[in-house]
Amino acid sequence: MRRRITFGILASTAVLITAVVCLNVYRSTGLSTQLDLLARLPNEPAAVFSADFATLRRGGLLNSRSFPLEPEYKSFVDGTGFDYRRDLDLVVASFSHSGNFFVARGRFDWAKLRKYAIQQRGSCYDELCRVQGSTPERRISFLPLGENVIALAVSTDDLAATRLRKPNNALSSQIPSNPVWLSIPGQSLSQPGALPEGIRVALSALLETDRVLLTAGPGPRGIEAHLETTCRSLDAARTLESQLRSSAAILKDAIARNKTNDQALAALLSAGSFDRDAKKVTGTWRIDRSVIEGLADGI
């Protein structure tokens, strides 16, 4: 009986200690899910992006490289030991007027990252490192949020990464399930320079939407990309559907006359299928694996 009591006490104590340790670890990081990472992004109107690199790797999309690395990226890989194809598991990002912000989970050699920053004429104080970017207004800052999570910002403010230390957003759990997605609020699309001029002219009805959601992932016909948006009026939805169909037809004609710089990408975009349900407009494109690998090669 004493042995049973002793065993029960020890087991209960072990469970309590484990629970306390797990709770403390969870509280100290708060970064166990995609939702946790998204919550760290600044609470401001912005395009939000997410890519599950671990899932992409399991699908064989990041395992081949047929072209040599870009010199700048090769220098970064050599200096830090970090290669996104191998070491990055999940990244979320936001793009707004105040800068570009990233929170990523993966495998990082913090000592090498700090050393690389200093070698690039940057500086590190405590956990925060700062490096000058390619232009004066592009100031890069980064710091660890946990052993395997990094916060990085590109902004005019060289302390911008510190904005990601604590949660900024109270997000719902309704986020896309696809491994890659991009959500763009309508108000961001209307800002000058938000869209390339060609897209702005060809798809002007996009400016009359509340949000544009682009996703990519496995579908019934292989890898598929989807567009989904709800326009502010029925007329705007009809116009957008018509513009999408017209743009696809123009690309098909350009391919036939060999007037495109990238035949594979043009063929992908021209093969979209479009639909409308009242003010909701959708588009679907089937993506060939070679197109994805071609876009990622060299970086």
Protein backbone atom coordinates (compact mmCIF):
# COMPACT_ATOMS: atom_id res chain seq x y z
CA MET A 1 0.00 0.00 0.00
CA ARG A 2 2.84 2.41 0.90
CA ARG A 3 4.51 1.67 -2.42
CA ARG A 4 1.27 2.46 -4.25
CA ILE A 5 0.84 5.70 -2.33
CA THR A 6 4.47 6.68 -2.93
CA PHE A 7 4.19 5.83 -6.62
CA GLY A 8 0.97 7.84 -6.87
CA ILE A 9 2.57 10.87 -5.23
CA LEU A 10 5.63 10.67 -7.47
CA ALA A 11 3.50 10.23 -10.59
CA SER A 12 1.25 13.15 -9.65
CA THR A 13 4.26 15.33 -8.90
CA ALA A 14 5.85 14.42 -12.22
CA VAL A 15 2.65 15.29 -14.09
CA LEU A 16 2.38 18.64 -12.30
CA ILE A 17 6.02 19.50 -12.97
CA THR A 18 5.66 18.55 -16.63
CA ALA A 19 2.49 20.64 -16.94
CA VAL A 20 4.15 23.66 -15.32
CA VAL A 21 7.23 23.35 -17.55
CA CYS A 22 5.10 23.00 -20.69
CA LEU A 23 2.95 25.95 -19.66
CA ASN A 24 6.01 28.12 -19.03
CA VAL A 25 7.55 27.14 -22.35
CA TYR A 26 4.29 27.91 -24.14
CA ARG A 27 3.97 31.28 -22.39
CA SER A 28 7.57 32.21 -23.11
CA THR A 29 7.27 31.55 -26.83
CA GLY A 30 3.57 31.63 -27.76
CA LEU A 31 4.71 30.62 -31.22
CA SER A 32 3.53 27.04 -31.60
CA THR A 33 1.02 27.61 -34.41
CA GLN A 34 0.68 29.58 -37.63
CA LEU A 35 -1.89 31.73 -35.86
CA ASP A 36 0.69 32.62 -33.18
CA LEU A 37 3.15 33.79 -35.85
CA LEU A 38 0.49 35.82 -37.67
CA ALA A 39 -0.48 37.52 -34.40
CA ARG A 40 3.03 39.02 -34.17
CA LEU A 41 2.64 40.99 -37.40
CA PRO A 42 1.85 44.72 -37.02
CA ASN A 43 -1.81 45.60 -36.59
CA GLU A 44 -2.20 47.83 -39.65
CA PRO A 45 -3.68 47.59 -43.17
CA ALA A 46 -1.29 45.34 -45.07
CA ALA A 47 -0.98 42.52 -47.55
CA VAL A 48 -0.38 39.33 -45.55
CA PHE A 49 1.52 36.34 -46.91
CA SER A 50 2.10 32.82 -45.57
CA ALA A 51 4.12 29.90 -46.91
CA ASP A 52 4.44 26.46 -45.32
CA PHE A 53 7.87 25.41 -46.58
CA ALA A 54 7.83 22.15 -44.63
CA THR A 55 4.74 21.05 -46.56
CA LEU A 56 6.25 22.21 -49.86
CA ARG A 57 9.39 20.19 -49.15
CA ARG A 58 7.36 17.07 -48.39
CA GLY A 59 5.68 17.58 -51.77
CA GLY A 60 9.09 17.62 -53.47
CA LEU A 61 8.82 21.24 -54.63
CA LEU A 62 12.00 22.55 -53.04
CA ASN A 63 14.30 19.57 -53.45
CA SER A 64 15.81 20.32 -56.85
CA ARG A 65 17.95 23.20 -58.07
CA SER A 66 19.01 23.25 -61.70
CA PHE A 67 20.45 26.79 -61.78
CA PRO A 68 23.34 28.25 -59.76
CA LEU A 69 22.51 30.52 -56.84
CA GLU A 70 22.35 34.28 -57.28
CA PRO A 71 25.71 35.69 -56.03
CA GLU A 72 24.16 37.73 -53.19
CA TYR A 73 22.11 34.80 -51.94
CA LYS A 74 25.07 32.42 -52.25
CA SER A 75 27.12 34.82 -50.13
CA PHE A 76 24.33 34.87 -47.54
CA VAL A 77 24.11 31.05 -47.46
CA ASP A 78 27.90 30.71 -47.16
CA GLY A 79 28.06 33.29 -44.36
CA THR A 80 25.09 32.18 -42.27
CA GLY A 81 24.71 28.49 -43.10
CA PHE A 82 21.00 29.16 -43.71
CA ASP A 83 19.29 27.94 -46.88
CA TYR A 84 15.53 28.45 -47.03
CA ARG A 85 15.02 25.29 -49.09
CA ARG A 86 16.45 23.21 -46.28
CA ASP A 87 16.09 25.23 -43.08
CA LEU A 88 12.84 27.22 -43.36
CA ASP A 89 9.62 25.56 -42.17
CA LEU A 90 7.04 28.35 -42.06
CA VAL A 91 7.07 32.07 -42.81
CA VAL A 92 4.39 34.73 -42.45
CA ALA A 93 4.85 38.30 -43.63
CA SER A 94 3.07 41.61 -43.99
CA PHE A 95 3.75 44.36 -46.51
CA SER A 96 2.58 47.89 -45.75
CA HIS A 97 3.58 51.55 -45.93
CA SER A 98 5.59 51.17 -42.70
CA GLY A 99 7.74 48.31 -43.99
CA ASN A 100 7.95 44.60 -44.66
CA PHE A 101 7.74 42.34 -41.61
CA PHE A 102 8.53 38.62 -41.37
CA VAL A 103 8.16 35.99 -38.67
CA ALA A 104 9.66 32.62 -39.58
CA ARG A 105 10.12 29.24 -37.95
CA GLY A 106 13.08 27.10 -38.94
CA ARG A 107 16.63 26.21 -38.02
CA PHE A 108 18.93 29.17 -37.36
CA ASP A 109 22.57 29.40 -36.34
CA TRP A 110 22.27 32.60 -34.29
CA ALA A 111 26.02 33.00 -33.82
CA LYS A 112 26.61 32.86 -37.59
CA LEU A 113 23.73 35.25 -38.26
CA ARG A 114 25.16 37.79 -35.81
CA LYS A 115 28.64 37.38 -37.25
CA TYR A 116 27.31 37.83 -40.80
CA ALA A 117 25.47 41.02 -39.79
CA ILE A 118 28.65 42.52 -38.34
CA GLN A 119 30.67 41.46 -41.41
CA GLN A 120 28.16 43.38 -43.53
CA ARG A 121 29.00 46.53 -41.53
CA GLY A 122 25.96 46.09 -39.34
CA SER A 123 25.76 45.99 -35.57
CA CYS A 124 24.28 43.79 -32.86
CA TYR A 125 23.27 44.84 -29.37
CA ASP A 126 21.78 42.36 -26.96
CA GLU A 127 19.53 40.19 -29.23
CA LEU A 128 18.84 42.80 -31.94
CA CYS A 129 20.97 43.01 -35.10
CA ARG A 130 20.78 45.77 -37.70
CA VAL A 131 22.15 45.89 -41.25
CA GLN A 132 21.92 48.50 -43.98
CA GLY A 133 19.98 47.24 -47.00
CA SER A 134 20.55 47.89 -50.70
CA THR A 135 19.16 51.44 -50.41
CA PRO A 136 19.24 53.99 -47.56
CA GLU A 137 15.55 53.51 -46.78
CA ARG A 138 15.92 49.71 -46.61
CA ARG A 139 17.17 49.10 -43.09
CA ILE A 140 17.13 45.45 -42.02
CA SER A 141 16.71 44.39 -38.41
CA PHE A 142 16.26 40.94 -36.89
CA LEU A 143 16.15 39.17 -33.56
CA PRO A 144 15.22 35.75 -32.16
CA LEU A 145 11.71 35.28 -30.76
CA GLY A 146 12.60 31.74 -29.69
CA GLU A 147 15.26 29.15 -30.40
CA ASN A 148 13.70 28.37 -33.78
CA VAL A 149 11.75 31.55 -34.58
CA ILE A 150 13.12 34.76 -36.08
CA ALA A 151 11.58 38.22 -36.43
CA LEU A 152 12.87 40.30 -39.32
CA ALA A 153 11.88 43.69 -40.69
CA VAL A 154 12.85 45.82 -43.67
CA SER A 155 11.89 49.40 -42.97
CA THR A 156 13.16 52.97 -42.65
CA ASP A 157 13.27 52.23 -38.91
CA ASP A 158 16.27 50.09 -37.99
CA LEU A 159 14.51 49.00 -34.78
CA ALA A 160 11.39 47.79 -36.61
CA ALA A 161 11.92 44.11 -35.75
CA THR A 162 11.31 44.92 -32.07
CA ARG A 163 7.64 45.57 -32.99
CA LEU A 164 7.28 41.79 -33.44
CA ARG A 165 8.36 40.81 -29.93
CA LYS A 166 4.80 40.66 -28.61
CA PRO A 167 1.45 39.79 -30.20
CA ASN A 168 -0.11 42.74 -32.01
CA ASN A 169 -3.25 41.16 -33.48
CA ALA A 170 -6.23 39.34 -32.02
CA LEU A 171 -6.80 37.00 -34.94
CA SER A 172 -9.57 34.50 -35.51
CA SER A 173 -8.78 30.93 -36.50
CA GLN A 174 -10.29 31.46 -39.97
CA ILE A 175 -7.14 31.42 -42.06
CA PRO A 176 -6.62 29.63 -45.39
CA SER A 177 -5.64 25.97 -45.13
CA ASN A 178 -3.50 26.02 -48.30
CA PRO A 179 0.28 25.90 -47.81
CA VAL A 180 0.74 29.21 -49.67
CA TRP A 181 -1.60 32.21 -49.55
CA LEU A 182 -1.66 35.97 -49.94
CA SER A 183 -4.43 38.21 -48.60
CA ILE A 184 -4.62 41.79 -49.89
CA PRO A 185 -7.11 44.30 -48.45
CA GLY A 186 -8.94 46.38 -51.03
CA GLN A 187 -7.75 49.64 -49.50
CA SER A 188 -4.13 48.57 -50.08
CA LEU A 189 -4.80 47.88 -53.76
CA SER A 190 -5.98 51.43 -54.30
CA GLN A 191 -2.73 52.95 -53.03
CA PRO A 192 -0.30 54.31 -55.67
CA GLY A 193 2.24 51.70 -56.74
CA ALA A 194 0.42 48.83 -55.05
CA LEU A 195 -0.21 47.14 -58.41
CA PRO A 196 2.00 47.04 -61.50
CA GLU A 197 0.62 49.49 -64.04
CA GLY A 198 -0.25 46.72 -66.51
CA ILE A 199 -2.38 44.87 -63.96
CA ARG A 200 -3.92 48.12 -62.71
CA VAL A 201 -5.13 48.92 -66.25
CA ALA A 202 -6.18 45.40 -67.26
CA LEU A 203 -7.92 44.59 -63.97
CA SER A 204 -9.11 47.99 -62.80
CA ALA A 205 -12.19 46.38 -61.18
CA LEU A 206 -9.87 44.88 -58.53
CA LEU A 207 -9.86 48.36 -56.98
CA GLU A 208 -13.56 47.87 -56.19
CA THR A 209 -13.00 44.82 -53.96
CA ASP A 210 -12.91 44.49 -50.18
CA ARG A 211 -10.15 41.87 -50.23
CA VAL A 212 -8.33 39.66 -52.70
CA LEU A 213 -7.29 36.20 -51.53
CA LEU A 214 -4.79 34.18 -53.57
CA THR A 215 -4.00 30.62 -52.49
CA ALA A 216 -1.96 27.73 -53.87
CA GLY A 217 -1.93 24.09 -52.94
CA PRO A 218 -2.92 20.58 -54.01
CA GLY A 219 -6.18 20.30 -55.95
CA PRO A 220 -8.16 17.66 -57.84
CA ARG A 221 -6.04 18.28 -60.96
CA GLY A 222 -2.66 18.61 -59.27
CA ILE A 223 -1.23 21.86 -57.95
CA GLU A 224 -3.74 24.69 -58.27
CA ALA A 225 -3.85 28.41 -57.59
CA HIS A 226 -7.11 30.11 -56.65
CA LEU A 227 -8.29 33.70 -56.61
CA GLU A 228 -11.27 34.73 -54.53
CA THR A 229 -12.65 38.21 -54.04
CA THR A 230 -15.90 39.92 -53.20
CA CYS A 231 -16.62 43.16 -55.04
CA ARG A 232 -18.48 46.09 -53.53
CA SER A 233 -21.16 46.01 -56.20
CA LEU A 234 -22.69 43.61 -58.68
CA ASP A 235 -21.54 45.75 -61.61
CA ALA A 236 -17.94 45.70 -60.34
CA ALA A 237 -18.10 41.89 -60.03
CA ARG A 238 -19.36 41.54 -63.61
CA THR A 239 -16.62 43.89 -64.83
CA LEU A 240 -13.88 42.00 -62.97
CA GLU A 241 -15.03 38.64 -64.36
CA SER A 242 -15.02 40.11 -67.86
CA GLN A 243 -11.56 41.64 -67.37
CA LEU A 244 -10.11 38.34 -66.14
CA ARG A 245 -11.46 36.50 -69.17
CA SER A 246 -10.22 39.22 -71.54
CA SER A 247 -6.73 39.20 -69.99
CA ALA A 248 -6.51 35.41 -70.41
CA ALA A 249 -7.57 35.74 -74.06
CA ILE A 250 -4.96 38.45 -74.70
CA LEU A 251 -2.25 36.22 -73.21
CA LYS A 252 -3.34 33.30 -75.38
CA ASP A 253 -3.04 35.50 -78.45
CA ALA A 254 0.41 36.70 -77.36
CA ILE A 255 1.56 33.10 -76.91
CA ALA A 256 0.29 32.18 -80.37
CA ARG A 257 2.25 35.06 -81.88
CA ASN A 258 5.31 34.35 -79.69
CA LYS A 259 5.13 37.82 -78.17
CA THR A 260 5.78 36.95 -74.50
CA ASN A 261 9.07 36.94 -72.59
CA ASP A 262 8.09 33.92 -70.51
CA GLN A 263 6.02 31.42 -72.46
CA ALA A 264 5.57 29.02 -69.52
CA LEU A 265 4.27 31.69 -67.15
CA ALA A 266 2.05 33.23 -69.83
CA ALA A 267 0.61 29.79 -70.61
CA LEU A 268 -0.17 29.30 -66.92
CA LEU A 269 -1.96 32.64 -66.57
CA SER A 270 -3.88 32.29 -69.82
CA ALA A 271 -5.33 28.90 -68.84
CA GLY A 272 -7.36 30.21 -65.92
CA SER A 273 -11.03 29.41 -65.47
CA PHE A 274 -13.29 32.06 -63.93
CA ASP A 275 -16.69 32.16 -62.29
CA ARG A 276 -18.98 34.59 -60.51
CA ASP A 277 -21.66 34.15 -57.87
CA ALA A 278 -23.37 37.52 -57.36
CA LYS A 279 -20.58 39.84 -56.10
CA LYS A 280 -18.09 37.01 -55.49
CA VAL A 281 -15.56 36.34 -58.28
CA THR A 282 -13.26 33.31 -58.36
CA GLY A 283 -10.46 32.09 -60.61
CA THR A 284 -8.54 28.81 -60.80
CA TRP A 285 -5.24 28.02 -62.49
CA ARG A 286 -3.51 24.65 -62.73
CA ILE A 287 0.22 25.05 -62.06
CA ASP A 288 2.80 22.79 -63.64
CA ARG A 289 5.55 21.74 -61.23
CA SER A 290 8.24 22.91 -63.68
CA VAL A 291 6.88 26.48 -63.54
CA ILE A 292 7.20 26.60 -59.74
CA GLU A 293 10.71 25.16 -59.79
CA GLY A 294 11.69 27.61 -62.52
CA LEU A 295 10.47 30.59 -60.49
CA ALA A 296 12.44 29.44 -57.41
CA ASP A 297 15.65 28.45 -59.20
CA GLY A 298 18.68 30.60 -58.61
CA ILE A 299 17.52 31.98 -55.27
